[in-house]
Amino acid sequence: MSSKTNSTFNTASELRPASTPPAPQGGVFASIQDTVGLHSTVQFARDMGFGGALCIHPSQVAIIHQALKPGLEELLWAQRIMDAARSGEGVFVLDGQMVDAPVIGRAQAILARAT
């Protein structure tokens, strides 16, 4: 089974938002020497709502941790959501987009992944 097929299967079998604890975990990446492939596979899984991946070798741990960290744009978005949420309104509009509890939860999860 290819890694793309495996990712599709995992996504289809465990669909739920990343803000719903615990986030589903991605499967193993068997090509231990393919660090670029591991990084991009874990980033794809993260973008599909997965909160981690299984390791089969210690060398994969740091790569997976790095791939799960949010990017700068994602961090800035999450911080803007949290700053706006301090207004105390349950639902509000930011940049023309409705923001409610699930969006705030996603922003919190992104900021938590950064540390």
PDB file of N, CA and C in Angstrom:
ATOM      1  N   MET A   1       0.852  -1.170   0.000  1.00  0.00           N
ATOM      2  CA  MET A   1       0.000   0.000   0.000  1.00  0.00           C
ATOM      3  C   MET A   1       0.897   1.231   0.000  1.00  0.00           C
ATOM      4  N   SER A   2       0.689   2.163  -0.919  1.00  0.00           N
ATOM      5  CA  SER A   2       1.509   3.376  -0.975  1.00  0.00           C
ATOM      6  C   SER A   2       1.163   4.307   0.170  1.00  0.00           C
ATOM      7  N   SER A   3       2.059   5.270   0.440  1.00  0.00           N
ATOM      8  CA  SER A   3       1.805   6.198   1.551  1.00  0.00           C
ATOM      9  C   SER A   3       0.589   7.070   1.266  1.00  0.00           C
ATOM     10  N   LYS A   4       0.339   7.425  -0.015  1.00  0.00           N
ATOM     11  CA  LYS A   4      -0.859   8.216  -0.343  1.00  0.00           C
ATOM     12  C   LYS A   4      -2.123   7.397  -0.111  1.00  0.00           C
ATOM     13  N   THR A   5      -2.111   6.128  -0.499  1.00  0.00           N
ATOM     14  CA  THR A   5      -3.256   5.258  -0.255  1.00  0.00           C
ATOM     15  C   THR A   5      -3.477   5.086   1.233  1.00  0.00           C
ATOM     16  N   ASN A   6      -2.391   4.891   1.972  1.00  0.00           N
ATOM     17  CA  ASN A   6      -2.471   4.743   3.413  1.00  0.00           C
ATOM     18  C   ASN A   6      -3.055   6.007   4.046  1.00  0.00           C
ATOM     19  N   SER A   7      -2.609   7.190   3.592  1.00  0.00           N
ATOM     20  CA  SER A   7      -3.136   8.451   4.127  1.00  0.00           C
ATOM     21  C   SER A   7      -4.618   8.593   3.827  1.00  0.00           C
ATOM     22  N   THR A   8      -5.029   8.225   2.619  1.00  0.00           N
ATOM     23  CA  THR A   8      -6.434   8.315   2.254  1.00  0.00           C
ATOM     24  C   THR A   8      -7.271   7.382   3.115  1.00  0.00           C
ATOM     25  N   PHE A   9      -6.775   6.169   3.334  1.00  0.00           N
ATOM     26  CA  PHE A   9      -7.494   5.218   4.179  1.00  0.00           C
ATOM     27  C   PHE A   9      -7.615   5.760   5.596  1.00  0.00           C
ATOM     28  N   ASN A  10      -6.501   6.242   6.160  1.00  0.00           N
ATOM     29  CA  ASN A  10      -6.537   6.778   7.519  1.00  0.00           C
ATOM     30  C   ASN A  10      -7.509   7.941   7.628  1.00  0.00           C
ATOM     31  N   THR A  11      -7.492   8.834   6.635  1.00  0.00           N
ATOM     32  CA  THR A  11      -8.384   9.991   6.652  1.00  0.00           C
ATOM     33  C   THR A  11      -9.830   9.541   6.600  1.00  0.00           C
ATOM     34  N   ALA A  12     -10.138   8.606   5.735  1.00  0.00           N
ATOM     35  CA  ALA A  12     -11.513   8.137   5.587  1.00  0.00           C
ATOM     36  C   ALA A  12     -11.994   7.382   6.817  1.00  0.00           C
ATOM     37  N   SER A  13     -11.080   6.688   7.479  1.00  0.00           N
ATOM     38  CA  SER A  13     -11.500   5.866   8.606  1.00  0.00           C
ATOM     39  C   SER A  13     -11.588   6.631   9.919  1.00  0.00           C
ATOM     40  N   GLU A  14     -10.972   7.806  10.001  1.00  0.00           N
ATOM     41  CA  GLU A  14     -10.973   8.536  11.266  1.00  0.00           C
ATOM     42  C   GLU A  14     -11.249  10.016  11.055  1.00  0.00           C
ATOM     43  N   LEU A  15     -12.289  10.343  10.330  1.00  0.00           N
ATOM     44  CA  LEU A  15     -12.610  11.737  10.074  1.00  0.00           C
ATOM     45  C   LEU A  15     -13.199  12.411  11.299  1.00  0.00           C
ATOM     46  N   ARG A  16     -12.536  13.418  11.771  1.00  0.00           N
ATOM     47  CA  ARG A  16     -13.057  14.294  12.812  1.00  0.00           C
ATOM     48  C   ARG A  16     -12.111  15.483  12.933  1.00  0.00           C
ATOM     49  N   PRO A  17     -12.591  16.603  13.462  1.00  0.00           N
ATOM     50  CA  PRO A  17     -11.746  17.795  13.535  1.00  0.00           C
ATOM     51  C   PRO A  17     -10.552  17.593  14.460  1.00  0.00           C
ATOM     52  N   ALA A  18      -9.459  18.280  14.142  1.00  0.00           N
ATOM     53  CA  ALA A  18      -8.256  18.178  14.966  1.00  0.00           C
ATOM     54  C   ALA A  18      -8.483  18.737  16.363  1.00  0.00           C
ATOM     55  N   SER A  19      -9.467  19.609  16.525  1.00  0.00           N
ATOM     56  CA  SER A  19      -9.722  20.194  17.842  1.00  0.00           C
ATOM     57  C   SER A  19     -10.480  19.251  18.767  1.00  0.00           C
ATOM     58  N   THR A  20     -10.935  18.098  18.258  1.00  0.00           N
ATOM     59  CA  THR A  20     -11.654  17.127  19.079  1.00  0.00           C
ATOM     60  C   THR A  20     -10.650  16.147  19.676  1.00  0.00           C
ATOM     61  N   PRO A  21     -10.352  16.268  20.972  1.00  0.00           N
ATOM     62  CA  PRO A  21      -9.346  15.369  21.550  1.00  0.00           C
ATOM     63  C   PRO A  21      -9.856  13.961  21.675  1.00  0.00           C
ATOM     64  N   PRO A  22      -9.057  12.952  21.568  1.00  0.00           N
ATOM     65  CA  PRO A  22      -7.706  13.067  21.045  1.00  0.00           C
ATOM     66  C   PRO A  22      -7.719  13.044  19.523  1.00  0.00           C
ATOM     67  N   ALA A  23      -6.796  13.750  18.931  1.00  0.00           N
ATOM     68  CA  ALA A  23      -6.703  13.776  17.470  1.00  0.00           C
ATOM     69  C   ALA A  23      -6.229  12.414  16.980  1.00  0.00           C
ATOM     70  N   PRO A  24      -6.742  11.963  15.848  1.00  0.00           N
ATOM     71  CA  PRO A  24      -6.301  10.677  15.312  1.00  0.00           C
ATOM     72  C   PRO A  24      -4.816  10.715  14.954  1.00  0.00           C
ATOM     73  N   GLN A  25      -4.193   9.566  14.958  1.00  0.00           N
ATOM     74  CA  GLN A  25      -2.765   9.449  14.651  1.00  0.00           C
ATOM     75  C   GLN A  25      -2.580   8.839  13.273  1.00  0.00           C
ATOM     76  N   GLY A  26      -1.601   9.345  12.536  1.00  0.00           N
ATOM     77  CA  GLY A  26      -1.274   8.780  11.243  1.00  0.00           C
ATOM     78  C   GLY A  26      -0.540   7.458  11.414  1.00  0.00           C
ATOM     79  N   GLY A  27      -0.447   6.717  10.346  1.00  0.00           N
ATOM     80  CA  GLY A  27       0.227   5.421  10.392  1.00  0.00           C
ATOM     81  C   GLY A  27       1.731   5.550  10.311  1.00  0.00           C
ATOM     82  N   VAL A  28       2.387   4.420  10.178  1.00  0.00           N
ATOM     83  CA  VAL A  28       3.847   4.396  10.087  1.00  0.00           C
ATOM     84  C   VAL A  28       4.307   4.758   8.688  1.00  0.00           C
ATOM     85  N   PHE A  29       5.514   5.270   8.593  1.00  0.00           N
ATOM     86  CA  PHE A  29       6.175   5.564   7.322  1.00  0.00           C
ATOM     87  C   PHE A  29       7.389   4.668   7.282  1.00  0.00           C
ATOM     88  N   ALA A  30       7.336   3.642   6.468  1.00  0.00           N
ATOM     89  CA  ALA A  30       8.324   2.560   6.512  1.00  0.00           C
ATOM     90  C   ALA A  30       9.673   2.910   5.896  1.00  0.00           C
ATOM     91  N   SER A  31       9.747   3.927   5.045  1.00  0.00           N
ATOM     92  CA  SER A  31      11.018   4.275   4.388  1.00  0.00           C
ATOM     93  C   SER A  31      11.860   5.141   5.318  1.00  0.00           C
ATOM     94  N   ILE A  32      12.594   4.508   6.199  1.00  0.00           N
ATOM     95  CA  ILE A  32      13.331   5.201   7.256  1.00  0.00           C
ATOM     96  C   ILE A  32      14.305   6.245   6.707  1.00  0.00           C
ATOM     97  N   GLN A  33      14.953   5.977   5.588  1.00  0.00           N
ATOM     98  CA  GLN A  33      15.932   6.908   5.021  1.00  0.00           C
ATOM     99  C   GLN A  33      15.293   8.087   4.292  1.00  0.00           C
ATOM    100  N   ASP A  34      14.023   8.008   3.959  1.00  0.00           N
ATOM    101  CA  ASP A  34      13.344   9.063   3.185  1.00  0.00           C
ATOM    102  C   ASP A  34      12.780  10.126   4.127  1.00  0.00           C
ATOM    103  N   THR A  35      13.670  10.989   4.609  1.00  0.00           N
ATOM    104  CA  THR A  35      13.254  12.006   5.578  1.00  0.00           C
ATOM    105  C   THR A  35      12.357  13.065   4.951  1.00  0.00           C
ATOM    106  N   VAL A  36      12.597  13.397   3.693  1.00  0.00           N
ATOM    107  CA  VAL A  36      11.759  14.386   3.003  1.00  0.00           C
ATOM    108  C   VAL A  36      10.345  13.826   2.813  1.00  0.00           C
ATOM    109  N   GLY A  37      10.264  12.566   2.418  1.00  0.00           N
ATOM    110  CA  GLY A  37       8.954  11.929   2.250  1.00  0.00           C
ATOM    111  C   GLY A  37       8.193  11.841   3.558  1.00  0.00           C
ATOM    112  N   LEU A  38       8.896  11.498   4.639  1.00  0.00           N
ATOM    113  CA  LEU A  38       8.261  11.435   5.950  1.00  0.00           C
ATOM    114  C   LEU A  38       7.726  12.802   6.338  1.00  0.00           C
ATOM    115  N   HIS A  39       8.538  13.842   6.186  1.00  0.00           N
ATOM    116  CA  HIS A  39       8.134  15.197   6.554  1.00  0.00           C
ATOM    117  C   HIS A  39       6.879  15.617   5.787  1.00  0.00           C
ATOM    118  N   SER A  40       6.868  15.415   4.472  1.00  0.00           N
ATOM    119  CA  SER A  40       5.716  15.856   3.679  1.00  0.00           C
ATOM    120  C   SER A  40       4.477  15.003   3.957  1.00  0.00           C
ATOM    121  N   THR A  41       4.658  13.715   4.224  1.00  0.00           N
ATOM    122  CA  THR A  41       3.517  12.845   4.558  1.00  0.00           C
ATOM    123  C   THR A  41       2.890  13.262   5.879  1.00  0.00           C
ATOM    124  N   VAL A  42       3.720  13.587   6.865  1.00  0.00           N
ATOM    125  CA  VAL A  42       3.198  14.004   8.170  1.00  0.00           C
ATOM    126  C   VAL A  42       2.533  15.375   8.065  1.00  0.00           C
ATOM    127  N   GLN A  43       3.105  16.282   7.282  1.00  0.00           N
ATOM    128  CA  GLN A  43       2.455  17.589   7.083  1.00  0.00           C
ATOM    129  C   GLN A  43       1.092  17.412   6.423  1.00  0.00           C
ATOM    130  N   PHE A  44       1.003  16.545   5.437  1.00  0.00           N
ATOM    131  CA  PHE A  44      -0.279  16.273   4.781  1.00  0.00           C
ATOM    132  C   PHE A  44      -1.278  15.717   5.791  1.00  0.00           C
ATOM    133  N   ALA A  45      -0.834  14.774   6.608  1.00  0.00           N
ATOM    134  CA  ALA A  45      -1.708  14.197   7.628  1.00  0.00           C
ATOM    135  C   ALA A  45      -2.154  15.265   8.622  1.00  0.00           C
ATOM    136  N   ARG A  46      -1.228  16.140   9.023  1.00  0.00           N
ATOM    137  CA  ARG A  46      -1.568  17.244   9.925  1.00  0.00           C
ATOM    138  C   ARG A  46      -2.648  18.125   9.307  1.00  0.00           C
ATOM    139  N   ASP A  47      -2.488  18.451   8.032  1.00  0.00           N
ATOM    140  CA  ASP A  47      -3.465  19.293   7.339  1.00  0.00           C
ATOM    141  C   ASP A  47      -4.824  18.609   7.208  1.00  0.00           C
ATOM    142  N   MET A  48      -4.852  17.287   7.278  1.00  0.00           N
ATOM    143  CA  MET A  48      -6.110  16.531   7.214  1.00  0.00           C
ATOM    144  C   MET A  48      -6.719  16.313   8.598  1.00  0.00           C
ATOM    145  N   GLY A  49      -6.079  16.868   9.646  1.00  0.00           N
ATOM    146  CA  GLY A  49      -6.633  16.788  10.985  1.00  0.00           C
ATOM    147  C   GLY A  49      -5.980  15.791  11.918  1.00  0.00           C
ATOM    148  N   PHE A  50      -4.909  15.157  11.462  1.00  0.00           N
ATOM    149  CA  PHE A  50      -4.220  14.193  12.318  1.00  0.00           C
ATOM    150  C   PHE A  50      -3.301  14.925  13.292  1.00  0.00           C
ATOM    151  N   GLY A  51      -3.160  14.384  14.481  1.00  0.00           N
ATOM    152  CA  GLY A  51      -2.373  15.032  15.517  1.00  0.00           C
ATOM    153  C   GLY A  51      -1.016  14.410  15.752  1.00  0.00           C
ATOM    154  N   GLY A  52      -0.648  13.402  14.980  1.00  0.00           N
ATOM    155  CA  GLY A  52       0.637  12.752  15.166  1.00  0.00           C
ATOM    156  C   GLY A  52       0.831  11.643  14.161  1.00  0.00           C
ATOM    157  N   ALA A  53       1.913  10.915  14.327  1.00  0.00           N
ATOM    158  CA  ALA A  53       2.214   9.781  13.456  1.00  0.00           C
ATOM    159  C   ALA A  53       2.969   8.742  14.277  1.00  0.00           C
ATOM    160  N   LEU A  54       2.893   7.527  13.850  1.00  0.00           N
ATOM    161  CA  LEU A  54       3.602   6.445  14.526  1.00  0.00           C
ATOM    162  C   LEU A  54       5.022   6.343  13.987  1.00  0.00           C
ATOM    163  N   CYS A  55       5.966   6.081  14.861  1.00  0.00           N
ATOM    164  CA  CYS A  55       7.375   5.941  14.479  1.00  0.00           C
ATOM    165  C   CYS A  55       7.771   4.471  14.496  1.00  0.00           C
ATOM    166  N   ILE A  56       8.646   4.114  13.564  1.00  0.00           N
ATOM    167  CA  ILE A  56       9.227   2.775  13.618  1.00  0.00           C
ATOM    168  C   ILE A  56      10.729   2.850  13.844  1.00  0.00           C
ATOM    169  N   HIS A  57      11.274   4.072  13.927  1.00  0.00           N
ATOM    170  CA  HIS A  57      12.695   4.253  14.164  1.00  0.00           C
ATOM    171  C   HIS A  57      12.900   5.570  14.913  1.00  0.00           C
ATOM    172  N   PRO A  58      13.823   5.604  15.879  1.00  0.00           N
ATOM    173  CA  PRO A  58      14.049   6.830  16.654  1.00  0.00           C
ATOM    174  C   PRO A  58      14.407   8.051  15.808  1.00  0.00           C
ATOM    175  N   SER A  59      15.029   7.837  14.657  1.00  0.00           N
ATOM    176  CA  SER A  59      15.410   8.970  13.802  1.00  0.00           C
ATOM    177  C   SER A  59      14.197   9.715  13.246  1.00  0.00           C
ATOM    178  N   GLN A  60      13.028   9.117  13.319  1.00  0.00           N
ATOM    179  CA  GLN A  60      11.826   9.744  12.781  1.00  0.00           C
ATOM    180  C   GLN A  60      11.176  10.733  13.753  1.00  0.00           C
ATOM    181  N   VAL A  61      11.506  10.651  15.032  1.00  0.00           N
ATOM    182  CA  VAL A  61      10.824  11.460  16.045  1.00  0.00           C
ATOM    183  C   VAL A  61      10.980  12.954  15.784  1.00  0.00           C
ATOM    184  N   ALA A  62      12.196  13.437  15.611  1.00  0.00           N
ATOM    185  CA  ALA A  62      12.432  14.871  15.410  1.00  0.00           C
ATOM    186  C   ALA A  62      11.782  15.367  14.122  1.00  0.00           C
ATOM    187  N   ILE A  63      11.815  14.560  13.075  1.00  0.00           N
ATOM    188  CA  ILE A  63      11.211  14.945  11.797  1.00  0.00           C
ATOM    189  C   ILE A  63       9.706  15.088  11.954  1.00  0.00           C
ATOM    190  N   ILE A  64       9.096  14.151  12.646  1.00  0.00           N
ATOM    191  CA  ILE A  64       7.648  14.208  12.865  1.00  0.00           C
ATOM    192  C   ILE A  64       7.282  15.425  13.721  1.00  0.00           C
ATOM    193  N   HIS A  65       8.043  15.662  14.779  1.00  0.00           N
ATOM    194  CA  HIS A  65       7.772  16.844  15.614  1.00  0.00           C
ATOM    195  C   HIS A  65       7.837  18.122  14.791  1.00  0.00           C
ATOM    196  N   GLN A  66       8.850  18.248  13.946  1.00  0.00           N
ATOM    197  CA  GLN A  66       9.003  19.438  13.108  1.00  0.00           C
ATOM    198  C   GLN A  66       7.849  19.569  12.119  1.00  0.00           C
ATOM    199  N   ALA A  67       7.448  18.465  11.516  1.00  0.00           N
ATOM    200  CA  ALA A  67       6.375  18.498  10.515  1.00  0.00           C
ATOM    201  C   ALA A  67       5.025  18.856  11.126  1.00  0.00           C
ATOM    202  N   LEU A  68       4.838  18.550  12.400  1.00  0.00           N
ATOM    203  CA  LEU A  68       3.560  18.843  13.058  1.00  0.00           C
ATOM    204  C   LEU A  68       3.448  20.287  13.537  1.00  0.00           C
ATOM    205  N   LYS A  69       4.561  21.004  13.600  1.00  0.00           N
ATOM    206  CA  LYS A  69       4.520  22.395  14.049  1.00  0.00           C
ATOM    207  C   LYS A  69       3.827  23.264  13.002  1.00  0.00           C
ATOM    208  N   PRO A  70       3.029  24.213  13.462  1.00  0.00           N
ATOM    209  CA  PRO A  70       2.357  25.111  12.514  1.00  0.00           C
ATOM    210  C   PRO A  70       3.346  26.099  11.898  1.00  0.00           C
ATOM    211  N   GLY A  71       3.031  26.527  10.688  1.00  0.00           N
ATOM    212  CA  GLY A  71       3.844  27.528  10.010  1.00  0.00           C
ATOM    213  C   GLY A  71       3.539  28.929  10.534  1.00  0.00           C
ATOM    214  N   LEU A  72       4.336  29.889  10.123  1.00  0.00           N
ATOM    215  CA  LEU A  72       4.188  31.262  10.591  1.00  0.00           C
ATOM    216  C   LEU A  72       2.814  31.830  10.246  1.00  0.00           C
ATOM    217  N   GLU A  73       2.360  31.620   9.022  1.00  0.00           N
ATOM    218  CA  GLU A  73       1.046  32.129   8.610  1.00  0.00           C
ATOM    219  C   GLU A  73      -0.077  31.549   9.475  1.00  0.00           C
ATOM    220  N   GLU A  74       0.018  30.269   9.754  1.00  0.00           N
ATOM    221  CA  GLU A  74      -0.973  29.592  10.593  1.00  0.00           C
ATOM    222  C   GLU A  74      -0.951  30.150  12.023  1.00  0.00           C
ATOM    223  N   LEU A  75       0.245  30.391  12.543  1.00  0.00           N
ATOM    224  CA  LEU A  75       0.379  30.955  13.890  1.00  0.00           C
ATOM    225  C   LEU A  75      -0.198  32.366  13.970  1.00  0.00           C
ATOM    226  N   LEU A  76       0.086  33.172  12.967  1.00  0.00           N
ATOM    227  CA  LEU A  76      -0.443  34.540  12.951  1.00  0.00           C
ATOM    228  C   LEU A  76      -1.962  34.534  12.896  1.00  0.00           C
ATOM    229  N   TRP A  77      -2.534  33.639  12.067  1.00  0.00           N
ATOM    230  CA  TRP A  77      -3.996  33.522  11.986  1.00  0.00           C
ATOM    231  C   TRP A  77      -4.571  33.130  13.338  1.00  0.00           C
ATOM    232  N   ALA A  78      -3.984  32.130  13.966  1.00  0.00           N
ATOM    233  CA  ALA A  78      -4.490  31.649  15.252  1.00  0.00           C
ATOM    234  C   ALA A  78      -4.409  32.742  16.318  1.00  0.00           C
ATOM    235  N   GLN A  79      -3.320  33.483  16.323  1.00  0.00           N
ATOM    236  CA  GLN A  79      -3.173  34.554  17.312  1.00  0.00           C
ATOM    237  C   GLN A  79      -4.207  35.657  17.081  1.00  0.00           C
ATOM    238  N   ARG A  80      -4.484  35.983  15.814  1.00  0.00           N
ATOM    239  CA  ARG A  80      -5.511  36.994  15.510  1.00  0.00           C
ATOM    240  C   ARG A  80      -6.886  36.524  15.984  1.00  0.00           C
ATOM    241  N   ILE A  81      -7.172  35.246  15.800  1.00  0.00           N
ATOM    242  CA  ILE A  81      -8.450  34.696  16.277  1.00  0.00           C
ATOM    243  C   ILE A  81      -8.541  34.837  17.785  1.00  0.00           C
ATOM    244  N   MET A  82      -7.487  34.449  18.480  1.00  0.00           N
ATOM    245  CA  MET A  82      -7.513  34.502  19.948  1.00  0.00           C
ATOM    246  C   MET A  82      -7.583  35.935  20.459  1.00  0.00           C
ATOM    247  N   ASP A  83      -6.903  36.853  19.795  1.00  0.00           N
ATOM    248  CA  ASP A  83      -6.981  38.263  20.190  1.00  0.00           C
ATOM    249  C   ASP A  83      -8.407  38.785  20.028  1.00  0.00           C
ATOM    250  N   ALA A  84      -9.041  38.449  18.909  1.00  0.00           N
ATOM    251  CA  ALA A  84     -10.415  38.895  18.659  1.00  0.00           C
ATOM    252  C   ALA A  84     -11.395  38.212  19.612  1.00  0.00           C
ATOM    253  N   ALA A  85     -11.109  36.977  20.005  1.00  0.00           N
ATOM    254  CA  ALA A  85     -12.007  36.231  20.894  1.00  0.00           C
ATOM    255  C   ALA A  85     -12.044  36.830  22.301  1.00  0.00           C
ATOM    256  N   ARG A  86     -11.039  37.597  22.641  1.00  0.00           N
ATOM    257  CA  ARG A  86     -11.013  38.225  23.969  1.00  0.00           C
ATOM    258  C   ARG A  86     -12.142  39.237  24.151  1.00  0.00           C
ATOM    259  N   SER A  87     -12.824  39.603  23.064  1.00  0.00           N
ATOM    260  CA  SER A  87     -13.946  40.541  23.161  1.00  0.00           C
ATOM    261  C   SER A  87     -15.090  39.949  23.970  1.00  0.00           C
ATOM    262  N   GLY A  88     -15.093  38.615  24.102  1.00  0.00           N
ATOM    263  CA  GLY A  88     -16.119  37.950  24.896  1.00  0.00           C
ATOM    264  C   GLY A  88     -17.358  37.560  24.113  1.00  0.00           C
ATOM    265  N   GLU A  89     -17.422  37.946  22.844  1.00  0.00           N
ATOM    266  CA  GLU A  89     -18.570  37.546  22.023  1.00  0.00           C
ATOM    267  C   GLU A  89     -18.424  36.074  21.665  1.00  0.00           C
ATOM    268  N   GLY A  90     -19.519  35.341  21.713  1.00  0.00           N
ATOM    269  CA  GLY A  90     -19.480  33.918  21.396  1.00  0.00           C
ATOM    270  C   GLY A  90     -19.208  33.655  19.926  1.00  0.00           C
ATOM    271  N   VAL A  91     -19.768  34.510  19.068  1.00  0.00           N
ATOM    272  CA  VAL A  91     -19.590  34.400  17.622  1.00  0.00           C
ATOM    273  C   VAL A  91     -19.283  35.799  17.109  1.00  0.00           C
ATOM    274  N   PHE A  92     -18.289  35.896  16.236  1.00  0.00           N
ATOM    275  CA  PHE A  92     -17.933  37.201  15.675  1.00  0.00           C
ATOM    276  C   PHE A  92     -17.408  37.007  14.260  1.00  0.00           C
ATOM    277  N   VAL A  93     -17.163  38.112  13.578  1.00  0.00           N
ATOM    278  CA  VAL A  93     -16.658  38.084  12.207  1.00  0.00           C
ATOM    279  C   VAL A  93     -15.257  38.686  12.202  1.00  0.00           C
ATOM    280  N   LEU A  94     -14.338  38.008  11.563  1.00  0.00           N
ATOM    281  CA  LEU A  94     -12.969  38.481  11.403  1.00  0.00           C
ATOM    282  C   LEU A  94     -12.577  38.279   9.949  1.00  0.00           C
ATOM    283  N   ASP A  95     -12.174  39.335   9.301  1.00  0.00           N
ATOM    284  CA  ASP A  95     -11.801  39.278   7.876  1.00  0.00           C
ATOM    285  C   ASP A  95     -12.923  38.704   7.019  1.00  0.00           C
ATOM    286  N   GLY A  96     -14.165  39.034   7.366  1.00  0.00           N
ATOM    287  CA  GLY A  96     -15.305  38.577   6.584  1.00  0.00           C
ATOM    288  C   GLY A  96     -15.696  37.128   6.825  1.00  0.00           C
ATOM    289  N   GLN A  97     -15.061  36.475   7.783  1.00  0.00           N
ATOM    290  CA  GLN A  97     -15.342  35.069   8.080  1.00  0.00           C
ATOM    291  C   GLN A  97     -15.949  34.938   9.477  1.00  0.00           C
ATOM    292  N   MET A  98     -16.978  34.104   9.590  1.00  0.00           N
ATOM    293  CA  MET A  98     -17.580  33.853  10.886  1.00  0.00           C
ATOM    294  C   MET A  98     -16.608  33.043  11.747  1.00  0.00           C
ATOM    295  N   VAL A  99     -16.494  33.441  12.999  1.00  0.00           N
ATOM    296  CA  VAL A  99     -15.651  32.728  13.959  1.00  0.00           C
ATOM    297  C   VAL A  99     -16.540  32.320  15.123  1.00  0.00           C
ATOM    298  N   ASP A 100     -16.556  31.012  15.413  1.00  0.00           N
ATOM    299  CA  ASP A 100     -17.337  30.496  16.533  1.00  0.00           C
ATOM    300  C   ASP A 100     -16.471  29.522  17.330  1.00  0.00           C
ATOM    301  N   ALA A 101     -17.078  28.809  18.250  1.00  0.00           N
ATOM    302  CA  ALA A 101     -16.315  27.947  19.168  1.00  0.00           C
ATOM    303  C   ALA A 101     -15.392  26.947  18.458  1.00  0.00           C
ATOM    304  N   PRO A 102     -15.843  26.248  17.409  1.00  0.00           N
ATOM    305  CA  PRO A 102     -14.919  25.306  16.753  1.00  0.00           C
ATOM    306  C   PRO A 102     -13.697  25.994  16.130  1.00  0.00           C
ATOM    307  N   VAL A 103     -13.891  27.189  15.588  1.00  0.00           N
ATOM    308  CA  VAL A 103     -12.764  27.919  14.991  1.00  0.00           C
ATOM    309  C   VAL A 103     -11.805  28.377  16.088  1.00  0.00           C
ATOM    310  N   ILE A 104     -12.359  28.848  17.196  1.00  0.00           N
ATOM    311  CA  ILE A 104     -11.519  29.242  18.329  1.00  0.00           C
ATOM    312  C   ILE A 104     -10.763  28.025  18.860  1.00  0.00           C
ATOM    313  N   GLY A 105     -11.419  26.886  18.939  1.00  0.00           N
ATOM    314  CA  GLY A 105     -10.756  25.652  19.370  1.00  0.00           C
ATOM    315  C   GLY A 105      -9.621  25.271  18.448  1.00  0.00           C
ATOM    316  N   ARG A 106      -9.816  25.455  17.150  1.00  0.00           N
ATOM    317  CA  ARG A 106      -8.752  25.157  16.184  1.00  0.00           C
ATOM    318  C   ARG A 106      -7.570  26.106  16.392  1.00  0.00           C
ATOM    319  N   ALA A 107      -7.867  27.387  16.624  1.00  0.00           N
ATOM    320  CA  ALA A 107      -6.796  28.371  16.869  1.00  0.00           C
ATOM    321  C   ALA A 107      -6.034  27.998  18.133  1.00  0.00           C
ATOM    322  N   GLN A 108      -6.730  27.592  19.179  1.00  0.00           N
ATOM    323  CA  GLN A 108      -6.062  27.171  20.415  1.00  0.00           C
ATOM    324  C   GLN A 108      -5.156  25.969  20.171  1.00  0.00           C
ATOM    325  N   ALA A 109      -5.638  25.010  19.390  1.00  0.00           N
ATOM    326  CA  ALA A 109      -4.854  23.807  19.100  1.00  0.00           C
ATOM    327  C   ALA A 109      -3.593  24.157  18.296  1.00  0.00           C
ATOM    328  N   ILE A 110      -3.714  25.090  17.370  1.00  0.00           N
ATOM    329  CA  ILE A 110      -2.558  25.511  16.578  1.00  0.00           C
ATOM    330  C   ILE A 110      -1.516  26.149  17.476  1.00  0.00           C
ATOM    331  N   LEU A 111      -1.953  27.033  18.356  1.00  0.00           N
ATOM    332  CA  LEU A 111      -1.009  27.691  19.258  1.00  0.00           C
ATOM    333  C   LEU A 111      -0.371  26.684  20.219  1.00  0.00           C
ATOM    334  N   ALA A 112      -1.127  25.698  20.643  1.00  0.00           N
ATOM    335  CA  ALA A 112      -0.583  24.660  21.534  1.00  0.00           C
ATOM    336  C   ALA A 112       0.481  23.823  20.822  1.00  0.00           C
ATOM    337  N   ARG A 113       0.288  23.565  19.524  1.00  0.00           N
ATOM    338  CA  ARG A 113       1.261  22.774  18.759  1.00  0.00           C
ATOM    339  C   ARG A 113       2.573  23.521  18.561  1.00  0.00           C
ATOM    340  N   ALA A 114       2.546  24.840  18.697  1.00  0.00           N
ATOM    341  CA  ALA A 114       3.745  25.644  18.455  1.00  0.00           C
ATOM    342  C   ALA A 114       4.754  25.540  19.584  1.00  0.00           C
ATOM    343  N   THR A 115       4.299  25.089  20.746  1.00  0.00           N
ATOM    344  CA  THR A 115       5.207  25.050  21.890  1.00  0.00           C
ATOM    345  C   THR A 115       5.804  23.677  22.084  1.00  0.00           C
TER     346      THR A 115
END
